[in-house]
């Protein structure tokens, strides 16, 4: 079951990831996403 809380958490996670990548554009190498650790 897909609840609004799960959708909200996913949205916040994607926004945080986007903000991090935009803030660290000059970084040497991007960190791997932790998407594989969480399987629903």
Protein backbone atom coordinates (compact mmCIF):
# COMPACT_ATOMS: atom_id res chain seq x y z
CA UNK A 1 0.00 0.00 0.00
CA UNK A 2 1.34 3.40 -1.03
CA UNK A 3 0.45 6.06 1.50
CA UNK A 4 0.76 9.84 1.32
CA UNK A 5 3.41 9.69 4.03
CA UNK A 6 5.58 7.46 1.84
CA UNK A 7 5.10 9.80 -1.12
CA UNK A 8 6.01 12.81 1.04
CA UNK A 9 9.12 11.09 2.38
CA UNK A 10 10.19 10.16 -1.16
CA UNK A 11 9.66 13.74 -2.33
CA UNK A 12 11.74 15.11 0.54
CA UNK A 13 14.47 12.54 -0.19
CA UNK A 14 14.62 13.49 -3.87
CA UNK A 15 14.69 17.20 -3.01
CA UNK A 16 17.52 16.64 -0.54
CA UNK A 17 19.46 14.62 -3.12
CA UNK A 18 18.94 17.34 -5.75
CA UNK A 19 20.04 20.08 -3.35
CA UNK A 20 23.13 18.10 -2.39
CA UNK A 21 24.14 17.44 -6.00
CA UNK A 22 23.53 21.08 -6.95
CA UNK A 23 25.56 22.30 -3.97
CA UNK A 24 28.46 19.93 -4.73
CA UNK A 25 28.75 20.31 -8.47
CA UNK A 26 32.46 21.01 -8.13
CA UNK A 27 33.06 17.86 -6.08
CA UNK A 28 35.60 15.37 -7.37
CA UNK A 29 33.27 12.38 -7.46
CA UNK A 30 29.55 12.05 -6.57
CA UNK A 31 28.53 9.63 -3.85
CA UNK A 32 26.53 6.57 -4.82
CA UNK A 33 22.82 6.80 -4.00
CA UNK A 34 21.54 4.64 -1.16
CA UNK A 35 18.61 3.48 -3.27
CA UNK A 36 19.65 -0.19 -3.31
CA UNK A 37 19.59 -0.43 0.48
CA UNK A 38 15.87 0.34 0.73
CA UNK A 39 13.58 -2.07 -1.12
CA UNK A 40 9.87 -1.90 -0.56
